[in-house]
Amino acid sequence: ERGIGSLEPRPIRHNAPLTARPDFRGQNGYAA
């Protein structure tokens, strides 16, 4: 009802290079 689509904080992007090792990322770019 509230239209909550994500709980991802805006300043931290899921595909930022320093957020996870490349081999831990799925095809969608999200880590683990």
ModelCIF file with pLDDT and N, C-alpha, C, O atoms, coordinates in Angstrom:
data_MODEL
#
_entry.id   MODEL 
#
_entity.id                         1 
_entity.type                       polymer 
_entity.pdbx_number_of_molecules   1 
#
_entity_poly.entity_id                      1 
_entity_poly.type                           'polypeptide(L)' 
_entity_poly.nstd_linkage                   no 
_entity_poly.nstd_monomer                   no 
_entity_poly.pdbx_seq_one_letter_code       ERGIGSLEPRPIRHNAPLTARPDFRGQNGYAA 
_entity_poly.pdbx_seq_one_letter_code_can   ERGIGSLEPRPIRHNAPLTARPDFRGQNGYAA 
_entity_poly.pdbx_strand_id                 A 
#
loop_
_entity_poly_seq.entity_id 
_entity_poly_seq.num 
_entity_poly_seq.mon_id 
_entity_poly_seq.hetero 
1 1  GLU n 
1 2  ARG n 
1 3  GLY n 
1 4  ILE n 
1 5  GLY n 
1 6  SER n 
1 7  LEU n 
1 8  GLU n 
1 9  PRO n 
1 10 ARG n 
1 11 PRO n 
1 12 ILE n 
1 13 ARG n 
1 14 HIS n 
1 15 ASN n 
1 16 ALA n 
1 17 PRO n 
1 18 LEU n 
1 19 THR n 
1 20 ALA n 
1 21 ARG n 
1 22 PRO n 
1 23 ASP n 
1 24 PHE n 
1 25 ARG n 
1 26 GLY n 
1 27 GLN n 
1 28 ASN n 
1 29 GLY n 
1 30 TYR n 
1 31 ALA n 
1 32 ALA n 
#
_struct_asym.id          A 
_struct_asym.entity_id   1 
#
loop_
_ma_qa_metric.id 
_ma_qa_metric.mode 
_ma_qa_metric.name 
_ma_qa_metric.software_group_id 
_ma_qa_metric.type 
1 global pLDDT . pLDDT 
2 local  pLDDT . pLDDT 
#
_ma_qa_metric_global.metric_id      1 
_ma_qa_metric_global.metric_value   68.59 
_ma_qa_metric_global.model_id       1 
_ma_qa_metric_global.ordinal_id     1 
#
loop_
_ma_qa_metric_local.label_asym_id 
_ma_qa_metric_local.label_comp_id 
_ma_qa_metric_local.label_seq_id 
_ma_qa_metric_local.metric_id 
_ma_qa_metric_local.metric_value 
_ma_qa_metric_local.model_id 
_ma_qa_metric_local.ordinal_id 
A GLU 1  2 90.00 1 1  
A ARG 2  2 86.00 1 2  
A GLY 3  2 86.00 1 3  
A ILE 4  2 82.00 1 4  
A GLY 5  2 78.00 1 5  
A SER 6  2 74.00 1 6  
A LEU 7  2 73.00 1 7  
A GLU 8  2 66.00 1 8  
A PRO 9  2 60.00 1 9  
A ARG 10 2 57.00 1 10 
A PRO 11 2 52.00 1 11 
A ILE 12 2 55.00 1 12 
A ARG 13 2 60.00 1 13 
A HIS 14 2 58.00 1 14 
A ASN 15 2 61.00 1 15 
A ALA 16 2 65.00 1 16 
A PRO 17 2 66.00 1 17 
A LEU 18 2 64.00 1 18 
A THR 19 2 63.00 1 19 
A ALA 20 2 66.00 1 20 
A ARG 21 2 67.00 1 21 
A PRO 22 2 70.00 1 22 
A ASP 23 2 68.00 1 23 
A PHE 24 2 68.00 1 24 
A ARG 25 2 70.00 1 25 
A GLY 26 2 70.00 1 26 
A GLN 27 2 72.00 1 27 
A ASN 28 2 70.00 1 28 
A GLY 29 2 70.00 1 29 
A TYR 30 2 69.00 1 30 
A ALA 31 2 69.00 1 31 
A ALA 32 2 70.00 1 32 
#
loop_
_atom_site.group_PDB 
_atom_site.id 
_atom_site.type_symbol 
_atom_site.label_atom_id 
_atom_site.label_alt_id 
_atom_site.label_comp_id 
_atom_site.label_asym_id 
_atom_site.label_entity_id 
_atom_site.label_seq_id 
_atom_site.pdbx_PDB_ins_code 
_atom_site.Cartn_x 
_atom_site.Cartn_y 
_atom_site.Cartn_z 
_atom_site.occupancy 
_atom_site.B_iso_or_equiv 
_atom_site.pdbx_formal_charge 
_atom_site.auth_seq_id 
_atom_site.auth_comp_id 
_atom_site.auth_asym_id 
_atom_site.auth_atom_id 
_atom_site.pdbx_PDB_model_num 
ATOM 1   N N  . GLU A 1 1  ? 0.820  -1.216  0.000   1.00 90.00 ? 1  GLU A N  1 
ATOM 2   C CA . GLU A 1 1  ? 0.000  0.000   0.000   1.00 90.00 ? 1  GLU A CA 1 
ATOM 3   C C  . GLU A 1 1  ? 0.854  1.267   0.000   1.00 90.00 ? 1  GLU A C  1 
ATOM 4   O O  . GLU A 1 1  ? 0.484  2.262   -0.622  1.00 90.00 ? 1  GLU A O  1 
ATOM 5   N N  . ARG A 1 2  ? 1.986  1.237   0.688   1.00 86.00 ? 2  ARG A N  1 
ATOM 6   C CA . ARG A 1 2  ? 2.858  2.414   0.766   1.00 86.00 ? 2  ARG A CA 1 
ATOM 7   C C  . ARG A 1 2  ? 3.772  2.543   -0.444  1.00 86.00 ? 2  ARG A C  1 
ATOM 8   O O  . ARG A 1 2  ? 4.442  3.561   -0.619  1.00 86.00 ? 2  ARG A O  1 
ATOM 9   N N  . GLY A 1 3  ? 3.796  1.513   -1.275  1.00 86.00 ? 3  GLY A N  1 
ATOM 10  C CA . GLY A 1 3  ? 4.638  1.552   -2.465  1.00 86.00 ? 3  GLY A CA 1 
ATOM 11  C C  . GLY A 1 3  ? 6.120  1.488   -2.159  1.00 86.00 ? 3  GLY A C  1 
ATOM 12  O O  . GLY A 1 3  ? 6.936  2.071   -2.873  1.00 86.00 ? 3  GLY A O  1 
ATOM 13  N N  . ILE A 1 4  ? 6.467  0.775   -1.089  1.00 82.00 ? 4  ILE A N  1 
ATOM 14  C CA . ILE A 1 4  ? 7.886  0.640   -0.728  1.00 82.00 ? 4  ILE A CA 1 
ATOM 15  C C  . ILE A 1 4  ? 8.519  -0.347  -1.699  1.00 82.00 ? 4  ILE A C  1 
ATOM 16  O O  . ILE A 1 4  ? 8.190  -1.533  -1.692  1.00 82.00 ? 4  ILE A O  1 
ATOM 17  N N  . GLY A 1 5  ? 9.415  0.142   -2.521  1.00 78.00 ? 5  GLY A N  1 
ATOM 18  C CA . GLY A 1 5  ? 10.035 -0.706  -3.534  1.00 78.00 ? 5  GLY A CA 1 
ATOM 19  C C  . GLY A 1 5  ? 11.428 -1.171  -3.180  1.00 78.00 ? 5  GLY A C  1 
ATOM 20  O O  . GLY A 1 5  ? 11.945 -2.113  -3.779  1.00 78.00 ? 5  GLY A O  1 
ATOM 21  N N  . SER A 1 6  ? 12.049 -0.505  -2.193  1.00 74.00 ? 6  SER A N  1 
ATOM 22  C CA . SER A 1 6  ? 13.419 -0.835  -1.850  1.00 74.00 ? 6  SER A CA 1 
ATOM 23  C C  . SER A 1 6  ? 13.744 -0.279  -0.472  1.00 74.00 ? 6  SER A C  1 
ATOM 24  O O  . SER A 1 6  ? 13.161 0.715   -0.036  1.00 74.00 ? 6  SER A O  1 
ATOM 25  N N  . LEU A 1 7  ? 14.664 -0.919  0.195   1.00 73.00 ? 7  LEU A N  1 
ATOM 26  C CA . LEU A 1 7  ? 15.197 -0.404  1.448   1.00 73.00 ? 7  LEU A CA 1 
ATOM 27  C C  . LEU A 1 7  ? 16.665 -0.046  1.268   1.00 73.00 ? 7  LEU A C  1 
ATOM 28  O O  . LEU A 1 7  ? 17.407 0.085   2.241   1.00 73.00 ? 7  LEU A O  1 
ATOM 29  N N  . GLU A 1 8  ? 17.073 0.111   0.022   1.00 66.00 ? 8  GLU A N  1 
ATOM 30  C CA . GLU A 1 8  ? 18.462 0.436   -0.282  1.00 66.00 ? 8  GLU A CA 1 
ATOM 31  C C  . GLU A 1 8  ? 18.720 1.914   -0.029  1.00 66.00 ? 8  GLU A C  1 
ATOM 32  O O  . GLU A 1 8  ? 18.025 2.765   -0.584  1.00 66.00 ? 8  GLU A O  1 
ATOM 33  N N  . PRO A 1 9  ? 19.712 2.231   0.801   1.00 60.00 ? 9  PRO A N  1 
ATOM 34  C CA . PRO A 1 9  ? 20.021 3.642   1.031   1.00 60.00 ? 9  PRO A CA 1 
ATOM 35  C C  . PRO A 1 9  ? 20.524 4.294   -0.260  1.00 60.00 ? 9  PRO A C  1 
ATOM 36  O O  . PRO A 1 9  ? 21.342 3.710   -0.971  1.00 60.00 ? 9  PRO A O  1 
ATOM 37  N N  . ARG A 1 10 ? 20.056 5.457   -0.554  1.00 57.00 ? 10 ARG A N  1 
ATOM 38  C CA . ARG A 1 10 ? 20.416 6.145   -1.799  1.00 57.00 ? 10 ARG A CA 1 
ATOM 39  C C  . ARG A 1 10 ? 21.893 6.491   -1.925  1.00 57.00 ? 10 ARG A C  1 
ATOM 40  O O  . ARG A 1 10 ? 22.429 6.371   -3.027  1.00 57.00 ? 10 ARG A O  1 
ATOM 41  N N  . PRO A 1 11 ? 22.585 6.911   -0.873  1.00 52.00 ? 11 PRO A N  1 
ATOM 42  C CA . PRO A 1 11 ? 24.000 7.263   -1.052  1.00 52.00 ? 11 PRO A CA 1 
ATOM 43  C C  . PRO A 1 11 ? 24.884 6.063   -1.387  1.00 52.00 ? 11 PRO A C  1 
ATOM 44  O O  . PRO A 1 11 ? 25.971 6.236   -1.938  1.00 52.00 ? 11 PRO A O  1 
ATOM 45  N N  . ILE A 1 12 ? 24.437 4.861   -1.066  1.00 55.00 ? 12 ILE A N  1 
ATOM 46  C CA . ILE A 1 12 ? 25.247 3.675   -1.313  1.00 55.00 ? 12 ILE A CA 1 
ATOM 47  C C  . ILE A 1 12 ? 24.606 2.891   -2.447  1.00 55.00 ? 12 ILE A C  1 
ATOM 48  O O  . ILE A 1 12 ? 23.519 2.337   -2.283  1.00 55.00 ? 12 ILE A O  1 
ATOM 49  N N  . ARG A 1 13 ? 25.246 2.841   -3.553  1.00 60.00 ? 13 ARG A N  1 
ATOM 50  C CA . ARG A 1 13 ? 24.729 2.119   -4.717  1.00 60.00 ? 13 ARG A CA 1 
ATOM 51  C C  . ARG A 1 13 ? 25.201 0.669   -4.676  1.00 60.00 ? 13 ARG A C  1 
ATOM 52  O O  . ARG A 1 13 ? 26.351 0.383   -4.343  1.00 60.00 ? 13 ARG A O  1 
ATOM 53  N N  . HIS A 1 14 ? 24.292 -0.235  -5.020  1.00 58.00 ? 14 HIS A N  1 
ATOM 54  C CA . HIS A 1 14 ? 24.611 -1.659  -4.947  1.00 58.00 ? 14 HIS A CA 1 
ATOM 55  C C  . HIS A 1 14 ? 25.746 -2.061  -5.878  1.00 58.00 ? 14 HIS A C  1 
ATOM 56  O O  . HIS A 1 14 ? 26.432 -3.050  -5.618  1.00 58.00 ? 14 HIS A O  1 
ATOM 57  N N  . ASN A 1 15 ? 25.957 -1.321  -6.947  1.00 61.00 ? 15 ASN A N  1 
ATOM 58  C CA . ASN A 1 15 ? 27.000 -1.705  -7.907  1.00 61.00 ? 15 ASN A CA 1 
ATOM 59  C C  . ASN A 1 15 ? 28.284 -0.886  -7.763  1.00 61.00 ? 15 ASN A C  1 
ATOM 60  O O  . ASN A 1 15 ? 29.147 -0.932  -8.640  1.00 61.00 ? 15 ASN A O  1 
ATOM 61  N N  . ALA A 1 16 ? 28.416 -0.137  -6.666  1.00 65.00 ? 16 ALA A N  1 
ATOM 62  C CA . ALA A 1 16 ? 29.652 0.619   -6.444  1.00 65.00 ? 16 ALA A CA 1 
ATOM 63  C C  . ALA A 1 16 ? 30.806 -0.367  -6.277  1.00 65.00 ? 16 ALA A C  1 
ATOM 64  O O  . ALA A 1 16 ? 30.653 -1.369  -5.578  1.00 65.00 ? 16 ALA A O  1 
ATOM 65  N N  . PRO A 1 17 ? 31.951 -0.113  -6.898  1.00 66.00 ? 17 PRO A N  1 
ATOM 66  C CA . PRO A 1 17 ? 33.055 -1.075  -6.887  1.00 66.00 ? 17 PRO A CA 1 
ATOM 67  C C  . PRO A 1 17 ? 33.537 -1.483  -5.500  1.00 66.00 ? 17 PRO A C  1 
ATOM 68  O O  . PRO A 1 17 ? 33.989 -2.614  -5.323  1.00 66.00 ? 17 PRO A O  1 
ATOM 69  N N  . LEU A 1 18 ? 33.456 -0.606  -4.526  1.00 64.00 ? 18 LEU A N  1 
ATOM 70  C CA . LEU A 1 18 ? 33.996 -0.930  -3.207  1.00 64.00 ? 18 LEU A CA 1 
ATOM 71  C C  . LEU A 1 18 ? 33.004 -1.635  -2.286  1.00 64.00 ? 18 LEU A C  1 
ATOM 72  O O  . LEU A 1 18 ? 33.360 -1.988  -1.161  1.00 64.00 ? 18 LEU A O  1 
ATOM 73  N N  . THR A 1 19 ? 31.765 -1.848  -2.739  1.00 63.00 ? 19 THR A N  1 
ATOM 74  C CA . THR A 1 19 ? 30.777 -2.466  -1.856  1.00 63.00 ? 19 THR A CA 1 
ATOM 75  C C  . THR A 1 19 ? 30.880 -3.979  -1.794  1.00 63.00 ? 19 THR A C  1 
ATOM 76  O O  . THR A 1 19 ? 30.365 -4.585  -0.855  1.00 63.00 ? 19 THR A O  1 
ATOM 77  N N  . ALA A 1 20 ? 31.527 -4.604  -2.761  1.00 66.00 ? 20 ALA A N  1 
ATOM 78  C CA . ALA A 1 20 ? 31.659 -6.068  -2.746  1.00 66.00 ? 20 ALA A CA 1 
ATOM 79  C C  . ALA A 1 20 ? 32.678 -6.515  -3.775  1.00 66.00 ? 20 ALA A C  1 
ATOM 80  O O  . ALA A 1 20 ? 32.958 -5.822  -4.753  1.00 66.00 ? 20 ALA A O  1 
ATOM 81  N N  . ARG A 1 21 ? 33.221 -7.686  -3.525  1.00 67.00 ? 21 ARG A N  1 
ATOM 82  C CA . ARG A 1 21 ? 34.146 -8.279  -4.499  1.00 67.00 ? 21 ARG A CA 1 
ATOM 83  C C  . ARG A 1 21 ? 33.384 -8.614  -5.778  1.00 67.00 ? 21 ARG A C  1 
ATOM 84  O O  . ARG A 1 21 ? 32.230 -9.036  -5.703  1.00 67.00 ? 21 ARG A O  1 
ATOM 85  N N  . PRO A 1 22 ? 33.985 -8.440  -6.931  1.00 70.00 ? 22 PRO A N  1 
ATOM 86  C CA . PRO A 1 22 ? 33.298 -8.719  -8.197  1.00 70.00 ? 22 PRO A CA 1 
ATOM 87  C C  . PRO A 1 22 ? 32.775 -10.148 -8.301  1.00 70.00 ? 22 PRO A C  1 
ATOM 88  O O  . PRO A 1 22 ? 31.712 -10.370 -8.881  1.00 70.00 ? 22 PRO A O  1 
ATOM 89  N N  . ASP A 1 23 ? 33.501 -11.122 -7.751  1.00 68.00 ? 23 ASP A N  1 
ATOM 90  C CA . ASP A 1 23 ? 33.058 -12.510 -7.864  1.00 68.00 ? 23 ASP A CA 1 
ATOM 91  C C  . ASP A 1 23 ? 31.877 -12.833 -6.948  1.00 68.00 ? 23 ASP A C  1 
ATOM 92  O O  . ASP A 1 23 ? 31.323 -13.930 -7.029  1.00 68.00 ? 23 ASP A O  1 
ATOM 93  N N  . PHE A 1 24 ? 31.482 -11.903 -6.081  1.00 68.00 ? 24 PHE A N  1 
ATOM 94  C CA . PHE A 1 24 ? 30.320 -12.102 -5.226  1.00 68.00 ? 24 PHE A CA 1 
ATOM 95  C C  . PHE A 1 24 ? 29.050 -11.514 -5.845  1.00 68.00 ? 24 PHE A C  1 
ATOM 96  O O  . PHE A 1 24 ? 27.962 -11.675 -5.292  1.00 68.00 ? 24 PHE A O  1 
ATOM 97  N N  . ARG A 1 25 ? 29.178 -10.839 -6.977  1.00 70.00 ? 25 ARG A N  1 
ATOM 98  C CA . ARG A 1 25 ? 28.030 -10.186 -7.600  1.00 70.00 ? 25 ARG A CA 1 
ATOM 99  C C  . ARG A 1 25 ? 27.274 -11.148 -8.517  1.00 70.00 ? 25 ARG A C  1 
ATOM 100 O O  . ARG A 1 25 ? 27.859 -11.969 -9.223  1.00 70.00 ? 25 ARG A O  1 
ATOM 101 N N  . GLY A 1 26 ? 25.954 -11.009 -8.473  1.00 70.00 ? 26 GLY A N  1 
ATOM 102 C CA . GLY A 1 26 ? 25.108 -11.773 -9.375  1.00 70.00 ? 26 GLY A CA 1 
ATOM 103 C C  . GLY A 1 26 ? 25.018 -11.087 -10.721 1.00 70.00 ? 26 GLY A C  1 
ATOM 104 O O  . GLY A 1 26 ? 25.640 -10.047 -10.938 1.00 70.00 ? 26 GLY A O  1 
ATOM 105 N N  . GLN A 1 27 ? 24.249 -11.662 -11.621 1.00 72.00 ? 27 GLN A N  1 
ATOM 106 C CA . GLN A 1 27 ? 24.113 -11.079 -12.954 1.00 72.00 ? 27 GLN A CA 1 
ATOM 107 C C  . GLN A 1 27 ? 23.446 -9.708  -12.926 1.00 72.00 ? 27 GLN A C  1 
ATOM 108 O O  . GLN A 1 27 ? 23.643 -8.902  -13.836 1.00 72.00 ? 27 GLN A O  1 
ATOM 109 N N  . ASN A 1 28 ? 22.652 -9.437  -11.876 1.00 70.00 ? 28 ASN A N  1 
ATOM 110 C CA . ASN A 1 28 ? 21.971 -8.145  -11.782 1.00 70.00 ? 28 ASN A CA 1 
ATOM 111 C C  . ASN A 1 28 ? 22.848 -7.077  -11.138 1.00 70.00 ? 28 ASN A C  1 
ATOM 112 O O  . ASN A 1 28 ? 22.415 -5.934  -10.989 1.00 70.00 ? 28 ASN A O  1 
ATOM 113 N N  . GLY A 1 29 ? 24.077 -7.433  -10.752 1.00 70.00 ? 29 GLY A N  1 
ATOM 114 C CA . GLY A 1 29 ? 25.000 -6.475  -10.160 1.00 70.00 ? 29 GLY A CA 1 
ATOM 115 C C  . GLY A 1 29 ? 24.989 -6.432  -8.650  1.00 70.00 ? 29 GLY A C  1 
ATOM 116 O O  . GLY A 1 29 ? 25.896 -5.863  -8.043  1.00 70.00 ? 29 GLY A O  1 
ATOM 117 N N  . TYR A 1 30 ? 23.980 -7.022  -8.029  1.00 69.00 ? 30 TYR A N  1 
ATOM 118 C CA . TYR A 1 30 ? 23.907 -7.030  -6.573  1.00 69.00 ? 30 TYR A CA 1 
ATOM 119 C C  . TYR A 1 30 ? 24.889 -8.038  -6.000  1.00 69.00 ? 30 TYR A C  1 
ATOM 120 O O  . TYR A 1 30 ? 25.078 -9.120  -6.554  1.00 69.00 ? 30 TYR A O  1 
ATOM 121 N N  . ALA A 1 31 ? 25.504 -7.676  -4.895  1.00 69.00 ? 31 ALA A N  1 
ATOM 122 C CA . ALA A 1 31 ? 26.435 -8.578  -4.225  1.00 69.00 ? 31 ALA A CA 1 
ATOM 123 C C  . ALA A 1 31 ? 25.663 -9.649  -3.467  1.00 69.00 ? 31 ALA A C  1 
ATOM 124 O O  . ALA A 1 31 ? 24.735 -9.351  -2.715  1.00 69.00 ? 31 ALA A O  1 
ATOM 125 N N  . ALA A 1 32 ? 26.051 -10.872 -3.674  1.00 70.00 ? 32 ALA A N  1 
ATOM 126 C CA . ALA A 1 32 ? 25.499 -12.004 -2.926  1.00 70.00 ? 32 ALA A CA 1 
ATOM 127 C C  . ALA A 1 32 ? 23.982 -11.969 -2.894  1.00 70.00 ? 32 ALA A C  1 
ATOM 128 O O  . ALA A 1 32 ? 23.356 -12.851 -2.305  1.00 70.00 ? 32 ALA A O  1 
#
